[in-house]
């Protein structure tokens, strides 16, 4: 269950500006990689809907959209979403692309607010001067990571829906660039588009 326990522990240690980071689209074969970074400032106030927040993959599109709209304007929360293009992913690989998107997000967020501490979802290790902690399934446990997951997912899904109008044959509105059976059959029939990741497809 998602909670503020991790954030509160860090606040007690003097880290007042805690940022959760998560990605969307890492395992897709088409479209960019997105990274969300959500800053939760130290507060004694209760966070609304905290008990209903989950990892974005476990929420319906309607609920993701609701939480995105609500918390994107919530006092005490700052956020950014960054992305890395399919071409860049092909050039440097998904691991380096993830690091690049995270670094971009942190630098962008630092223009809005101070950043004391980063909480990364998964087992990522960064070469940054800012203290950080990597937490496996952090998006299922930690509020700021869960929000980062939601923000990245909502932004990426909207982009993939726009791409679906340009490339309707791949049903991006439905699969969001992940390799479903329908997507695979479309690739066999129509070939690849400009937003497909060749290095991913070559490994299939």
C-alpha atoms as a PDB file:
ATOM      1  CA  UNK A   1       0.000   0.000   0.000  1.00  0.00           C
ATOM      2  CA  UNK A   2       1.234   3.490  -0.860  1.00  0.00           C
ATOM      3  CA  UNK A   3       2.137   5.703   2.099  1.00  0.00           C
ATOM      4  CA  UNK A   4       4.154   8.764   3.146  1.00  0.00           C
ATOM      5  CA  UNK A   5       6.338   6.716   5.505  1.00  0.00           C
ATOM      6  CA  UNK A   6       9.498   7.016   3.401  1.00  0.00           C
ATOM      7  CA  UNK A   7       9.030  10.739   2.850  1.00  0.00           C
ATOM      8  CA  UNK A   8       8.361  11.360   6.556  1.00  0.00           C
ATOM      9  CA  UNK A   9      11.500   9.455   7.576  1.00  0.00           C
ATOM     10  CA  UNK A  10      13.558  11.582   5.210  1.00  0.00           C
ATOM     11  CA  UNK A  11      11.910  14.786   6.448  1.00  0.00           C
ATOM     12  CA  UNK A  12      12.915  13.833  10.008  1.00  0.00           C
ATOM     13  CA  UNK A  13      16.506  13.487   8.812  1.00  0.00           C
ATOM     14  CA  UNK A  14      16.434  17.027   7.436  1.00  0.00           C
ATOM     15  CA  UNK A  15      15.561  16.369   3.795  1.00  0.00           C
ATOM     16  CA  UNK A  16      12.671  18.778   3.252  1.00  0.00           C
ATOM     17  CA  UNK A  17      12.424  18.446  -0.557  1.00  0.00           C
ATOM     18  CA  UNK A  18      12.024  14.761  -1.442  1.00  0.00           C
ATOM     19  CA  UNK A  19      11.583  13.704  -5.071  1.00  0.00           C
ATOM     20  CA  UNK A  20      10.159  10.426  -6.345  1.00  0.00           C
ATOM     21  CA  UNK A  21      11.155   9.239  -9.819  1.00  0.00           C
ATOM     22  CA  UNK A  22       9.636   6.598 -12.088  1.00  0.00           C
ATOM     23  CA  UNK A  23       9.467   5.854 -15.801  1.00  0.00           C
ATOM     24  CA  UNK A  24       6.879   4.834 -18.377  1.00  0.00           C
ATOM     25  CA  UNK A  25       7.506   3.077 -21.663  1.00  0.00           C
ATOM     26  CA  UNK A  26      10.779   1.370 -20.835  1.00  0.00           C
ATOM     27  CA  UNK A  27       9.594  -1.969 -22.220  1.00  0.00           C
ATOM     28  CA  UNK A  28       7.694  -0.623 -25.230  1.00  0.00           C
ATOM     29  CA  UNK A  29       8.822  -1.266 -28.808  1.00  0.00           C
ATOM     30  CA  UNK A  30       7.505   2.076 -30.071  1.00  0.00           C
ATOM     31  CA  UNK A  31       7.409   5.621 -28.781  1.00  0.00           C
ATOM     32  CA  UNK A  32       9.592   7.580 -26.381  1.00  0.00           C
ATOM     33  CA  UNK A  33      10.644   6.739 -22.855  1.00  0.00           C
ATOM     34  CA  UNK A  34       9.062   9.063 -20.294  1.00  0.00           C
ATOM     35  CA  UNK A  35      10.284   9.844 -16.776  1.00  0.00           C
ATOM     36  CA  UNK A  36       8.224  11.558 -14.090  1.00  0.00           C
ATOM     37  CA  UNK A  37       9.758  13.397 -11.138  1.00  0.00           C
ATOM     38  CA  UNK A  38       7.487  14.498  -8.299  1.00  0.00           C
ATOM     39  CA  UNK A  39       8.653  16.681  -5.430  1.00  0.00           C
ATOM     40  CA  UNK A  40       6.731  16.481  -2.158  1.00  0.00           C
ATOM     41  CA  UNK A  41       7.613  19.291   0.246  1.00  0.00           C
ATOM     42  CA  UNK A  42       7.618  18.697   3.979  1.00  0.00           C
ATOM     43  CA  UNK A  43       4.112  19.025   5.368  1.00  0.00           C
ATOM     44  CA  UNK A  44       2.065  18.119   8.430  1.00  0.00           C
ATOM     45  CA  UNK A  45      -1.165  18.150   6.460  1.00  0.00           C
ATOM     46  CA  UNK A  46      -2.934  14.980   5.363  1.00  0.00           C
ATOM     47  CA  UNK A  47      -2.680  14.064   1.675  1.00  0.00           C
ATOM     48  CA  UNK A  48      -6.123  13.501   0.104  1.00  0.00           C
ATOM     49  CA  UNK A  49      -6.807  10.138  -1.592  1.00  0.00           C
ATOM     50  CA  UNK A  50      -3.532   8.729  -0.238  1.00  0.00           C
ATOM     51  CA  UNK A  51      -5.091   5.323   0.468  1.00  0.00           C
ATOM     52  CA  UNK A  52      -6.393   5.135  -3.133  1.00  0.00           C
ATOM     53  CA  UNK A  53      -3.115   5.938  -4.892  1.00  0.00           C
ATOM     54  CA  UNK A  54      -1.423   2.989  -6.604  1.00  0.00           C
ATOM     55  CA  UNK A  55       1.256   2.251  -9.155  1.00  0.00           C
ATOM     56  CA  UNK A  56      -0.060   3.629 -12.454  1.00  0.00           C
ATOM     57  CA  UNK A  57      -0.234   0.170 -14.024  1.00  0.00           C
ATOM     58  CA  UNK A  58      -2.765  -0.865 -11.365  1.00  0.00           C
ATOM     59  CA  UNK A  59      -5.081   2.089 -11.963  1.00  0.00           C
ATOM     60  CA  UNK A  60      -7.691   2.515 -14.665  1.00  0.00           C
ATOM     61  CA  UNK A  61      -7.059   5.280 -17.245  1.00  0.00           C
ATOM     62  CA  UNK A  62      -9.926   7.260 -15.701  1.00  0.00           C
ATOM     63  CA  UNK A  63      -8.398   7.116 -12.204  1.00  0.00           C
ATOM     64  CA  UNK A  64      -4.924   7.964 -13.507  1.00  0.00           C
ATOM     65  CA  UNK A  65      -6.374  11.004 -15.224  1.00  0.00           C
ATOM     66  CA  UNK A  66      -8.193  12.047 -12.047  1.00  0.00           C
ATOM     67  CA  UNK A  67      -5.080  11.798  -9.867  1.00  0.00           C
ATOM     68  CA  UNK A  68      -2.988  13.564 -12.493  1.00  0.00           C
ATOM     69  CA  UNK A  69      -5.411  16.491 -12.688  1.00  0.00           C
ATOM     70  CA  UNK A  70      -5.806  16.698  -8.913  1.00  0.00           C
ATOM     71  CA  UNK A  71      -2.169  16.457  -7.832  1.00  0.00           C
ATOM     72  CA  UNK A  72      -0.682  18.427 -10.720  1.00  0.00           C
ATOM     73  CA  UNK A  73      -2.139  21.542  -9.045  1.00  0.00           C
ATOM     74  CA  UNK A  74      -1.863  20.415  -5.430  1.00  0.00           C
ATOM     75  CA  UNK A  75      -0.048  22.814  -3.027  1.00  0.00           C
ATOM     76  CA  UNK A  76       3.344  21.533  -1.877  1.00  0.00           C
ATOM     77  CA  UNK A  77       3.879  19.379  -4.958  1.00  0.00           C
ATOM     78  CA  UNK A  78       6.127  20.253  -7.883  1.00  0.00           C
ATOM     79  CA  UNK A  79       6.515  17.961 -10.872  1.00  0.00           C
ATOM     80  CA  UNK A  80       8.082  17.542 -14.291  1.00  0.00           C
ATOM     81  CA  UNK A  81       7.992  14.901 -17.007  1.00  0.00           C
ATOM     82  CA  UNK A  82      10.817  14.396 -19.500  1.00  0.00           C
ATOM     83  CA  UNK A  83      11.232  12.075 -22.445  1.00  0.00           C
ATOM     84  CA  UNK A  84      13.855  10.471 -24.676  1.00  0.00           C
ATOM     85  CA  UNK A  85      13.065   9.807 -28.325  1.00  0.00           C
ATOM     86  CA  UNK A  86      13.079   6.351 -29.958  1.00  0.00           C
ATOM     87  CA  UNK A  87      16.070   7.374 -32.101  1.00  0.00           C
ATOM     88  CA  UNK A  88      18.054   8.377 -29.027  1.00  0.00           C
ATOM     89  CA  UNK A  89      17.118   5.105 -27.321  1.00  0.00           C
ATOM     90  CA  UNK A  90      18.406   3.204 -30.367  1.00  0.00           C
ATOM     91  CA  UNK A  91      21.636   5.172 -30.286  1.00  0.00           C
ATOM     92  CA  UNK A  92      22.542   4.914 -26.590  1.00  0.00           C
ATOM     93  CA  UNK A  93      20.425   2.001 -25.305  1.00  0.00           C
ATOM     94  CA  UNK A  94      17.523   1.933 -22.873  1.00  0.00           C
ATOM     95  CA  UNK A  95      19.659   2.028 -19.713  1.00  0.00           C
ATOM     96  CA  UNK A  96      21.531   5.190 -20.663  1.00  0.00           C
ATOM     97  CA  UNK A  97      18.314   6.672 -22.037  1.00  0.00           C
ATOM     98  CA  UNK A  98      16.680   6.142 -18.638  1.00  0.00           C
ATOM     99  CA  UNK A  99      19.587   7.853 -16.872  1.00  0.00           C
ATOM    100  CA  UNK A 100      19.429  10.719 -19.372  1.00  0.00           C
ATOM    101  CA  UNK A 101      15.699  11.250 -18.824  1.00  0.00           C
ATOM    102  CA  UNK A 102      16.176  11.194 -15.039  1.00  0.00           C
ATOM    103  CA  UNK A 103      18.999  13.726 -15.167  1.00  0.00           C
ATOM    104  CA  UNK A 104      16.911  15.976 -17.408  1.00  0.00           C
ATOM    105  CA  UNK A 105      13.985  15.699 -14.998  1.00  0.00           C
ATOM    106  CA  UNK A 106      16.113  16.556 -11.967  1.00  0.00           C
ATOM    107  CA  UNK A 107      17.695  19.568 -13.672  1.00  0.00           C
ATOM    108  CA  UNK A 108      14.285  20.774 -14.838  1.00  0.00           C
ATOM    109  CA  UNK A 109      12.792  20.344 -11.374  1.00  0.00           C
ATOM    110  CA  UNK A 110      15.688  22.202  -9.744  1.00  0.00           C
ATOM    111  CA  UNK A 111      14.614  25.297 -11.683  1.00  0.00           C
ATOM    112  CA  UNK A 112      11.310  25.188  -9.785  1.00  0.00           C
ATOM    113  CA  UNK A 113      12.480  24.219  -6.317  1.00  0.00           C
ATOM    114  CA  UNK A 114      15.285  22.917  -4.177  1.00  0.00           C
ATOM    115  CA  UNK A 115      15.894  19.153  -4.403  1.00  0.00           C
ATOM    116  CA  UNK A 116      17.291  17.421  -1.292  1.00  0.00           C
ATOM    117  CA  UNK A 117      16.829  13.708  -1.930  1.00  0.00           C
ATOM    118  CA  UNK A 118      15.796  11.353  -4.756  1.00  0.00           C
ATOM    119  CA  UNK A 119      13.834   8.123  -4.441  1.00  0.00           C
ATOM    120  CA  UNK A 120      14.226   5.959  -7.536  1.00  0.00           C
ATOM    121  CA  UNK A 121      11.851   3.161  -8.407  1.00  0.00           C
ATOM    122  CA  UNK A 122      13.713  -0.089  -9.085  1.00  0.00           C
ATOM    123  CA  UNK A 123      17.434  -0.828  -8.763  1.00  0.00           C
ATOM    124  CA  UNK A 124      18.828   2.197 -10.564  1.00  0.00           C
ATOM    125  CA  UNK A 125      22.127   3.770  -9.530  1.00  0.00           C
ATOM    126  CA  UNK A 126      22.877   7.338 -10.556  1.00  0.00           C
ATOM    127  CA  UNK A 127      26.033   9.389 -10.788  1.00  0.00           C
ATOM    128  CA  UNK A 128      24.563  12.510  -9.214  1.00  0.00           C
ATOM    129  CA  UNK A 129      25.644  14.736  -6.352  1.00  0.00           C
ATOM    130  CA  UNK A 130      22.147  14.559  -4.833  1.00  0.00           C
ATOM    131  CA  UNK A 131      21.637  11.771  -2.253  1.00  0.00           C
ATOM    132  CA  UNK A 132      19.326   9.014  -3.462  1.00  0.00           C
ATOM    133  CA  UNK A 133      17.832   5.660  -2.609  1.00  0.00           C
ATOM    134  CA  UNK A 134      16.660   2.961  -5.016  1.00  0.00           C
ATOM    135  CA  UNK A 135      13.557   1.082  -3.888  1.00  0.00           C
ATOM    136  CA  UNK A 136      12.267  -2.019  -5.663  1.00  0.00           C
ATOM    137  CA  UNK A 137       8.551  -1.554  -6.360  1.00  0.00           C
ATOM    138  CA  UNK A 138       8.796   1.953  -4.979  1.00  0.00           C
ATOM    139  CA  UNK A 139       5.812   2.939  -7.110  1.00  0.00           C
ATOM    140  CA  UNK A 140       3.709   0.498  -5.053  1.00  0.00           C
ATOM    141  CA  UNK A 141       4.922   1.760  -1.671  1.00  0.00           C
ATOM    142  CA  UNK A 142       6.008   5.384  -1.804  1.00  0.00           C
ATOM    143  CA  UNK A 143       3.668   8.275  -2.494  1.00  0.00           C
ATOM    144  CA  UNK A 144       6.015  10.459  -4.546  1.00  0.00           C
ATOM    145  CA  UNK A 145       7.140   7.488  -6.666  1.00  0.00           C
ATOM    146  CA  UNK A 146       3.549   6.399  -7.285  1.00  0.00           C
ATOM    147  CA  UNK A 147       2.684   9.932  -8.395  1.00  0.00           C
ATOM    148  CA  UNK A 148       5.755  10.040 -10.644  1.00  0.00           C
ATOM    149  CA  UNK A 149       4.560   6.790 -12.199  1.00  0.00           C
ATOM    150  CA  UNK A 150       1.098   8.251 -12.791  1.00  0.00           C
ATOM    151  CA  UNK A 151       2.389  11.525 -14.244  1.00  0.00           C
ATOM    152  CA  UNK A 152       4.778   9.781 -16.637  1.00  0.00           C
ATOM    153  CA  UNK A 153       2.138   7.245 -17.706  1.00  0.00           C
ATOM    154  CA  UNK A 154      -0.588   9.834 -18.353  1.00  0.00           C
ATOM    155  CA  UNK A 155       1.730  12.060 -20.385  1.00  0.00           C
ATOM    156  CA  UNK A 156       3.089   9.146 -22.419  1.00  0.00           C
ATOM    157  CA  UNK A 157      -0.336   7.630 -23.081  1.00  0.00           C
ATOM    158  CA  UNK A 158      -1.598  10.953 -24.415  1.00  0.00           C
ATOM    159  CA  UNK A 159       1.336  11.177 -26.801  1.00  0.00           C
ATOM    160  CA  UNK A 160       0.819   7.600 -28.008  1.00  0.00           C
ATOM    161  CA  UNK A 161      -2.848   8.389 -28.642  1.00  0.00           C
ATOM    162  CA  UNK A 162      -1.759  11.299 -30.839  1.00  0.00           C
ATOM    163  CA  UNK A 163       0.668   9.011 -32.649  1.00  0.00           C
ATOM    164  CA  UNK A 164      -2.228   6.630 -33.250  1.00  0.00           C
ATOM    165  CA  UNK A 165      -3.816   9.247 -35.501  1.00  0.00           C
ATOM    166  CA  UNK A 166      -0.623   9.417 -37.564  1.00  0.00           C
ATOM    167  CA  UNK A 167      -0.084   5.641 -37.615  1.00  0.00           C
ATOM    168  CA  UNK A 168      -3.590   4.159 -37.185  1.00  0.00           C
ATOM    169  CA  UNK A 169      -2.544   0.713 -38.425  1.00  0.00           C
ATOM    170  CA  UNK A 170      -0.646  -0.055 -35.184  1.00  0.00           C
ATOM    171  CA  UNK A 171      -3.480   0.735 -32.709  1.00  0.00           C
ATOM    172  CA  UNK A 172      -1.186   2.800 -30.474  1.00  0.00           C
ATOM    173  CA  UNK A 173      -4.280   4.207 -28.778  1.00  0.00           C
ATOM    174  CA  UNK A 174      -4.812   0.732 -27.360  1.00  0.00           C
ATOM    175  CA  UNK A 175      -1.353  -0.838 -26.914  1.00  0.00           C
ATOM    176  CA  UNK A 176       0.590   2.394 -26.216  1.00  0.00           C
ATOM    177  CA  UNK A 177       3.558   1.024 -28.153  1.00  0.00           C
ATOM    178  CA  UNK A 178       3.872  -2.283 -26.291  1.00  0.00           C
ATOM    179  CA  UNK A 179       4.110  -5.484 -28.306  1.00  0.00           C
ATOM    180  CA  UNK A 180       0.658  -7.051 -28.132  1.00  0.00           C
ATOM    181  CA  UNK A 181      -0.363  -9.789 -30.574  1.00  0.00           C
ATOM    182  CA  UNK A 182      -2.329  -7.240 -32.607  1.00  0.00           C
ATOM    183  CA  UNK A 183       0.675  -4.916 -32.711  1.00  0.00           C
ATOM    184  CA  UNK A 184       2.953  -7.771 -33.791  1.00  0.00           C
ATOM    185  CA  UNK A 185       0.616  -8.734 -36.639  1.00  0.00           C
ATOM    186  CA  UNK A 186       0.451  -5.092 -37.751  1.00  0.00           C
ATOM    187  CA  UNK A 187       4.258  -4.966 -37.850  1.00  0.00           C
ATOM    188  CA  UNK A 188       4.336  -8.081 -40.022  1.00  0.00           C
ATOM    189  CA  UNK A 189       1.777  -6.570 -42.374  1.00  0.00           C
ATOM    190  CA  UNK A 190       2.878  -2.917 -42.546  1.00  0.00           C
ATOM    191  CA  UNK A 191       6.487  -2.952 -41.394  1.00  0.00           C
ATOM    192  CA  UNK A 192       7.893  -0.424 -38.933  1.00  0.00           C
ATOM    193  CA  UNK A 193       7.093   3.250 -38.435  1.00  0.00           C
ATOM    194  CA  UNK A 194       9.416   6.138 -37.624  1.00  0.00           C
ATOM    195  CA  UNK A 195       8.703   5.800 -33.910  1.00  0.00           C
ATOM    196  CA  UNK A 196       9.472   2.082 -33.567  1.00  0.00           C
ATOM    197  CA  UNK A 197      12.631   1.105 -31.686  1.00  0.00           C
ATOM    198  CA  UNK A 198      14.647  -1.050 -34.055  1.00  0.00           C
ATOM    199  CA  UNK A 199      17.006  -2.427 -31.428  1.00  0.00           C
ATOM    200  CA  UNK A 200      14.010  -3.704 -29.434  1.00  0.00           C
ATOM    201  CA  UNK A 201      12.374  -5.266 -32.471  1.00  0.00           C
ATOM    202  CA  UNK A 202      15.594  -6.951 -33.581  1.00  0.00           C
ATOM    203  CA  UNK A 203      15.720  -8.824 -30.255  1.00  0.00           C
ATOM    204  CA  UNK A 204      12.256 -10.341 -30.735  1.00  0.00           C
END
